[in-house]
């Protein structure tokens, strides 16, 4: 199995138009390249992840050519990267081989948290370490992965004046992988 990651370029990261163009192109991919099944695609604004069931080199090369051709048709460019059974998508690394996921940050990531001594409302300041902890828990498929990943986040929190140590919470981690929507009761 192979993973492909593409990035549509041409607008600012996070621009609303990126999402519209991304959705349009995802629709075009699904309708014009039937070898790519819709249940194996992920899209967020201008980042997409596509899994191909057939992993032969010739098949992947043909799909890549079709993707480049389709994007050129609309005056767009695409970068396609075969990553094997592991892929970095947004802020998570997904691994099909061992069925794990873990937090991922881009090289030269310069995330900064609101300083603990700033004049923000106390509730906002109190929630920052809690929310970072929840986020890392939800991106970690095990306690071991959480513990390996937490140090960079703790360092950045410390640089912003927070002293809390991040802890793994199995309930948070398991809830994110099996969330079910609550149905509203009809009256």
C-alpha atoms as a PDB file:
ATOM      1  CA  UNK A   1       0.000   0.000   0.000  1.00  0.00           C
ATOM      2  CA  UNK A   2       1.255   3.435  -0.841  1.00  0.00           C
ATOM      3  CA  UNK A   3       0.297   6.848   0.444  1.00  0.00           C
ATOM      4  CA  UNK A   4       0.362   9.970  -1.667  1.00  0.00           C
ATOM      5  CA  UNK A   5       0.336  13.457  -0.338  1.00  0.00           C
ATOM      6  CA  UNK A   6      -0.391  16.462  -2.485  1.00  0.00           C
ATOM      7  CA  UNK A   7      -0.321  20.174  -1.934  1.00  0.00           C
ATOM      8  CA  UNK A   8      -2.073  22.667  -4.163  1.00  0.00           C
ATOM      9  CA  UNK A   9       0.015  25.814  -4.403  1.00  0.00           C
ATOM     10  CA  UNK A  10      -0.944  29.326  -5.381  1.00  0.00           C
ATOM     11  CA  UNK A  11      -2.773  30.910  -2.459  1.00  0.00           C
ATOM     12  CA  UNK A  12      -1.819  31.762   1.094  1.00  0.00           C
ATOM     13  CA  UNK A  13      -1.826  28.867   3.546  1.00  0.00           C
ATOM     14  CA  UNK A  14      -5.197  28.686   5.217  1.00  0.00           C
ATOM     15  CA  UNK A  15      -6.923  30.964   2.703  1.00  0.00           C
ATOM     16  CA  UNK A  16     -10.620  30.137   2.319  1.00  0.00           C
ATOM     17  CA  UNK A  17     -10.176  29.795  -1.438  1.00  0.00           C
ATOM     18  CA  UNK A  18      -7.737  26.914  -0.804  1.00  0.00           C
ATOM     19  CA  UNK A  19     -10.518  24.857   0.698  1.00  0.00           C
ATOM     20  CA  UNK A  20     -12.887  25.563  -2.193  1.00  0.00           C
ATOM     21  CA  UNK A  21     -10.253  24.731  -4.810  1.00  0.00           C
ATOM     22  CA  UNK A  22      -9.255  21.636  -2.822  1.00  0.00           C
ATOM     23  CA  UNK A  23     -12.822  20.348  -2.662  1.00  0.00           C
ATOM     24  CA  UNK A  24     -13.332  21.047  -6.359  1.00  0.00           C
ATOM     25  CA  UNK A  25     -10.136  19.197  -7.264  1.00  0.00           C
ATOM     26  CA  UNK A  26     -10.994  16.286  -4.962  1.00  0.00           C
ATOM     27  CA  UNK A  27     -14.309  15.982  -6.806  1.00  0.00           C
ATOM     28  CA  UNK A  28     -12.487  16.116 -10.147  1.00  0.00           C
ATOM     29  CA  UNK A  29     -10.035  13.428  -8.990  1.00  0.00           C
ATOM     30  CA  UNK A  30     -12.852  11.160  -7.868  1.00  0.00           C
ATOM     31  CA  UNK A  31     -14.834  11.587 -11.096  1.00  0.00           C
ATOM     32  CA  UNK A  32     -11.953  11.514 -13.619  1.00  0.00           C
ATOM     33  CA  UNK A  33      -9.559   9.034 -11.982  1.00  0.00           C
ATOM     34  CA  UNK A  34     -11.769   6.146 -10.840  1.00  0.00           C
ATOM     35  CA  UNK A  35      -8.750   4.137  -9.627  1.00  0.00           C
ATOM     36  CA  UNK A  36      -8.676   6.479  -6.627  1.00  0.00           C
ATOM     37  CA  UNK A  37     -11.574   5.466  -4.376  1.00  0.00           C
ATOM     38  CA  UNK A  38     -13.288   8.207  -2.389  1.00  0.00           C
ATOM     39  CA  UNK A  39     -13.265   6.307   0.910  1.00  0.00           C
ATOM     40  CA  UNK A  40      -9.456   6.412   0.991  1.00  0.00           C
ATOM     41  CA  UNK A  41      -8.986  10.171   0.608  1.00  0.00           C
ATOM     42  CA  UNK A  42      -8.462  12.850   3.209  1.00  0.00           C
ATOM     43  CA  UNK A  43      -8.679  16.571   2.503  1.00  0.00           C
ATOM     44  CA  UNK A  44      -8.140  19.636   4.651  1.00  0.00           C
ATOM     45  CA  UNK A  45      -7.981  22.946   2.794  1.00  0.00           C
ATOM     46  CA  UNK A  46      -4.971  22.500   0.490  1.00  0.00           C
ATOM     47  CA  UNK A  47      -3.568  19.277   1.976  1.00  0.00           C
ATOM     48  CA  UNK A  48      -4.763  15.929   0.752  1.00  0.00           C
ATOM     49  CA  UNK A  49      -3.861  12.337   1.479  1.00  0.00           C
ATOM     50  CA  UNK A  50      -4.748   9.547  -0.921  1.00  0.00           C
ATOM     51  CA  UNK A  51      -4.237   5.857  -0.293  1.00  0.00           C
ATOM     52  CA  UNK A  52      -3.914   3.494  -3.218  1.00  0.00           C
ATOM     53  CA  UNK A  53      -4.730  -0.175  -2.731  1.00  0.00           C
ATOM     54  CA  UNK A  54      -2.540  -1.306  -5.636  1.00  0.00           C
ATOM     55  CA  UNK A  55       1.069  -0.574  -4.774  1.00  0.00           C
ATOM     56  CA  UNK A  56       2.837  -1.515  -8.037  1.00  0.00           C
ATOM     57  CA  UNK A  57       5.305   1.066  -9.348  1.00  0.00           C
ATOM     58  CA  UNK A  58       3.710   1.275 -12.787  1.00  0.00           C
ATOM     59  CA  UNK A  59       0.235   1.829 -11.295  1.00  0.00           C
ATOM     60  CA  UNK A  60       1.545   4.612  -9.005  1.00  0.00           C
ATOM     61  CA  UNK A  61       3.363   6.265 -11.903  1.00  0.00           C
ATOM     62  CA  UNK A  62       0.213   6.223 -14.056  1.00  0.00           C
ATOM     63  CA  UNK A  63      -1.847   7.754 -11.235  1.00  0.00           C
ATOM     64  CA  UNK A  64       0.823  10.441 -10.742  1.00  0.00           C
ATOM     65  CA  UNK A  65       0.725  11.305 -14.469  1.00  0.00           C
ATOM     66  CA  UNK A  66      -3.077  11.503 -14.395  1.00  0.00           C
ATOM     67  CA  UNK A  67      -2.987  13.789 -11.341  1.00  0.00           C
ATOM     68  CA  UNK A  68      -0.438  16.142 -12.956  1.00  0.00           C
ATOM     69  CA  UNK A  69      -2.471  16.212 -16.170  1.00  0.00           C
ATOM     70  CA  UNK A  70      -5.726  16.938 -14.323  1.00  0.00           C
ATOM     71  CA  UNK A  71      -4.193  19.797 -12.337  1.00  0.00           C
ATOM     72  CA  UNK A  72      -2.554  21.296 -15.456  1.00  0.00           C
ATOM     73  CA  UNK A  73      -6.004  21.308 -17.081  1.00  0.00           C
ATOM     74  CA  UNK A  74      -7.035  23.923 -14.458  1.00  0.00           C
ATOM     75  CA  UNK A  75      -3.736  25.826 -14.436  1.00  0.00           C
ATOM     76  CA  UNK A  76      -2.644  24.316 -11.129  1.00  0.00           C
ATOM     77  CA  UNK A  77       0.447  22.465  -9.976  1.00  0.00           C
ATOM     78  CA  UNK A  78       0.641  19.471  -7.684  1.00  0.00           C
ATOM     79  CA  UNK A  79       3.425  17.704  -5.838  1.00  0.00           C
ATOM     80  CA  UNK A  80       2.987  13.977  -5.345  1.00  0.00           C
ATOM     81  CA  UNK A  81       5.101  12.032  -2.889  1.00  0.00           C
ATOM     82  CA  UNK A  82       4.977   8.286  -2.399  1.00  0.00           C
ATOM     83  CA  UNK A  83       5.677   7.744   1.284  1.00  0.00           C
ATOM     84  CA  UNK A  84       5.110   4.025   1.725  1.00  0.00           C
ATOM     85  CA  UNK A  85       2.985   2.816   4.610  1.00  0.00           C
ATOM     86  CA  UNK A  86       3.743   5.944   6.688  1.00  0.00           C
ATOM     87  CA  UNK A  87       2.645   9.508   5.947  1.00  0.00           C
ATOM     88  CA  UNK A  88       2.761  12.881   7.669  1.00  0.00           C
ATOM     89  CA  UNK A  89      -0.592  14.574   7.265  1.00  0.00           C
ATOM     90  CA  UNK A  90      -1.262  17.949   8.870  1.00  0.00           C
ATOM     91  CA  UNK A  91       0.066  17.492  12.427  1.00  0.00           C
ATOM     92  CA  UNK A  92      -0.029  13.694  12.698  1.00  0.00           C
ATOM     93  CA  UNK A  93       2.108  10.837  11.405  1.00  0.00           C
ATOM     94  CA  UNK A  94       0.025   7.848  10.332  1.00  0.00           C
ATOM     95  CA  UNK A  95       1.642   4.409  10.115  1.00  0.00           C
ATOM     96  CA  UNK A  96      -0.267   1.598   8.384  1.00  0.00           C
ATOM     97  CA  UNK A  97       2.389  -1.036   9.104  1.00  0.00           C
ATOM     98  CA  UNK A  98       2.050  -0.931  12.879  1.00  0.00           C
ATOM     99  CA  UNK A  99      -1.377   0.794  12.990  1.00  0.00           C
ATOM    100  CA  UNK A 100      -0.167   3.745  15.068  1.00  0.00           C
ATOM    101  CA  UNK A 101      -0.438   7.508  14.925  1.00  0.00           C
ATOM    102  CA  UNK A 102       1.642  10.164  16.633  1.00  0.00           C
ATOM    103  CA  UNK A 103       2.058  13.933  16.779  1.00  0.00           C
ATOM    104  CA  UNK A 104       4.133  15.443  14.006  1.00  0.00           C
ATOM    105  CA  UNK A 105       5.552  18.909  13.599  1.00  0.00           C
ATOM    106  CA  UNK A 106       7.088  20.480  10.547  1.00  0.00           C
ATOM    107  CA  UNK A 107      10.842  21.117  10.458  1.00  0.00           C
ATOM    108  CA  UNK A 108      11.654  24.562  11.854  1.00  0.00           C
ATOM    109  CA  UNK A 109       8.263  24.694  13.608  1.00  0.00           C
ATOM    110  CA  UNK A 110       8.213  27.885  15.661  1.00  0.00           C
ATOM    111  CA  UNK A 111       5.004  27.468  17.653  1.00  0.00           C
ATOM    112  CA  UNK A 112       4.680  29.872  20.561  1.00  0.00           C
ATOM    113  CA  UNK A 113       2.086  29.750  23.311  1.00  0.00           C
ATOM    114  CA  UNK A 114       0.524  32.776  25.030  1.00  0.00           C
ATOM    115  CA  UNK A 115       2.774  33.748  27.927  1.00  0.00           C
ATOM    116  CA  UNK A 116       1.468  32.620  31.315  1.00  0.00           C
ATOM    117  CA  UNK A 117       2.051  36.123  32.712  1.00  0.00           C
ATOM    118  CA  UNK A 118       0.144  37.931  29.973  1.00  0.00           C
ATOM    119  CA  UNK A 119      -3.023  39.890  30.647  1.00  0.00           C
ATOM    120  CA  UNK A 120      -5.329  37.289  29.070  1.00  0.00           C
ATOM    121  CA  UNK A 121      -8.245  36.072  31.201  1.00  0.00           C
ATOM    122  CA  UNK A 122      -7.078  33.522  33.811  1.00  0.00           C
ATOM    123  CA  UNK A 123      -9.341  30.826  32.367  1.00  0.00           C
ATOM    124  CA  UNK A 124      -7.672  31.181  28.947  1.00  0.00           C
ATOM    125  CA  UNK A 125      -4.218  30.890  30.498  1.00  0.00           C
ATOM    126  CA  UNK A 126      -5.241  27.870  32.589  1.00  0.00           C
ATOM    127  CA  UNK A 127      -6.639  26.080  29.517  1.00  0.00           C
ATOM    128  CA  UNK A 128      -3.507  26.328  27.385  1.00  0.00           C
ATOM    129  CA  UNK A 129      -1.511  23.490  29.005  1.00  0.00           C
ATOM    130  CA  UNK A 130      -4.703  21.425  29.397  1.00  0.00           C
ATOM    131  CA  UNK A 131      -5.554  21.797  25.714  1.00  0.00           C
ATOM    132  CA  UNK A 132      -2.002  21.020  24.607  1.00  0.00           C
ATOM    133  CA  UNK A 133      -2.151  17.874  26.742  1.00  0.00           C
ATOM    134  CA  UNK A 134      -5.523  16.869  25.255  1.00  0.00           C
ATOM    135  CA  UNK A 135      -4.238  17.467  21.733  1.00  0.00           C
ATOM    136  CA  UNK A 136      -1.118  15.337  22.211  1.00  0.00           C
ATOM    137  CA  UNK A 137      -3.230  12.608  23.828  1.00  0.00           C
ATOM    138  CA  UNK A 138      -5.585  12.581  20.854  1.00  0.00           C
ATOM    139  CA  UNK A 139      -2.681  12.388  18.386  1.00  0.00           C
ATOM    140  CA  UNK A 140      -0.928   9.558  20.266  1.00  0.00           C
ATOM    141  CA  UNK A 141      -2.059   5.978  19.819  1.00  0.00           C
ATOM    142  CA  UNK A 142      -0.261   4.801  22.974  1.00  0.00           C
ATOM    143  CA  UNK A 143       1.275   5.989  26.239  1.00  0.00           C
ATOM    144  CA  UNK A 144       4.764   5.246  24.890  1.00  0.00           C
ATOM    145  CA  UNK A 145       4.199   7.460  21.849  1.00  0.00           C
ATOM    146  CA  UNK A 146       2.760  10.215  24.066  1.00  0.00           C
ATOM    147  CA  UNK A 147       5.780  10.095  26.373  1.00  0.00           C
ATOM    148  CA  UNK A 148       8.206  10.247  23.428  1.00  0.00           C
ATOM    149  CA  UNK A 149       6.340  13.198  21.915  1.00  0.00           C
ATOM    150  CA  UNK A 150       5.572  15.363  24.944  1.00  0.00           C
ATOM    151  CA  UNK A 151       9.048  16.782  25.624  1.00  0.00           C
ATOM    152  CA  UNK A 152       9.059  19.342  22.791  1.00  0.00           C
ATOM    153  CA  UNK A 153       5.627  20.584  23.859  1.00  0.00           C
ATOM    154  CA  UNK A 154       6.663  20.817  27.522  1.00  0.00           C
ATOM    155  CA  UNK A 155       9.748  22.800  26.487  1.00  0.00           C
ATOM    156  CA  UNK A 156       7.647  25.296  24.502  1.00  0.00           C
ATOM    157  CA  UNK A 157       5.154  25.598  27.370  1.00  0.00           C
ATOM    158  CA  UNK A 158       8.050  26.186  29.789  1.00  0.00           C
ATOM    159  CA  UNK A 159       9.433  28.932  27.535  1.00  0.00           C
ATOM    160  CA  UNK A 160       6.032  30.613  27.820  1.00  0.00           C
ATOM    161  CA  UNK A 161       5.990  30.433  31.633  1.00  0.00           C
ATOM    162  CA  UNK A 162       3.985  27.229  32.232  1.00  0.00           C
ATOM    163  CA  UNK A 163       5.368  24.629  34.635  1.00  0.00           C
ATOM    164  CA  UNK A 164       2.821  21.826  34.200  1.00  0.00           C
ATOM    165  CA  UNK A 165       4.100  18.406  33.183  1.00  0.00           C
ATOM    166  CA  UNK A 166       2.006  16.768  30.481  1.00  0.00           C
ATOM    167  CA  UNK A 167       0.444  13.418  31.356  1.00  0.00           C
ATOM    168  CA  UNK A 168      -1.038  10.663  29.253  1.00  0.00           C
ATOM    169  CA  UNK A 169      -4.768  10.152  29.689  1.00  0.00           C
ATOM    170  CA  UNK A 170      -6.021   6.886  28.218  1.00  0.00           C
ATOM    171  CA  UNK A 171      -9.642   8.062  28.310  1.00  0.00           C
ATOM    172  CA  UNK A 172      -8.902  11.090  26.118  1.00  0.00           C
ATOM    173  CA  UNK A 173      -6.770   9.015  23.743  1.00  0.00           C
ATOM    174  CA  UNK A 174      -9.368   6.256  23.360  1.00  0.00           C
ATOM    175  CA  UNK A 175     -12.308   8.679  23.064  1.00  0.00           C
ATOM    176  CA  UNK A 176     -10.789  10.438  20.060  1.00  0.00           C
ATOM    177  CA  UNK A 177     -10.403   7.215  18.152  1.00  0.00           C
ATOM    178  CA  UNK A 178     -13.976   6.061  18.782  1.00  0.00           C
ATOM    179  CA  UNK A 179     -16.082   9.219  19.065  1.00  0.00           C
ATOM    180  CA  UNK A 180     -19.736   8.694  18.375  1.00  0.00           C
ATOM    181  CA  UNK A 181     -22.165  11.485  17.666  1.00  0.00           C
ATOM    182  CA  UNK A 182     -24.860  11.834  20.268  1.00  0.00           C
ATOM    183  CA  UNK A 183     -28.348  11.711  18.845  1.00  0.00           C
ATOM    184  CA  UNK A 184     -30.757  14.386  19.928  1.00  0.00           C
ATOM    185  CA  UNK A 185     -33.909  13.103  21.511  1.00  0.00           C
ATOM    186  CA  UNK A 186     -37.026  14.003  19.575  1.00  0.00           C
ATOM    187  CA  UNK A 187     -39.833  15.505  21.560  1.00  0.00           C
END
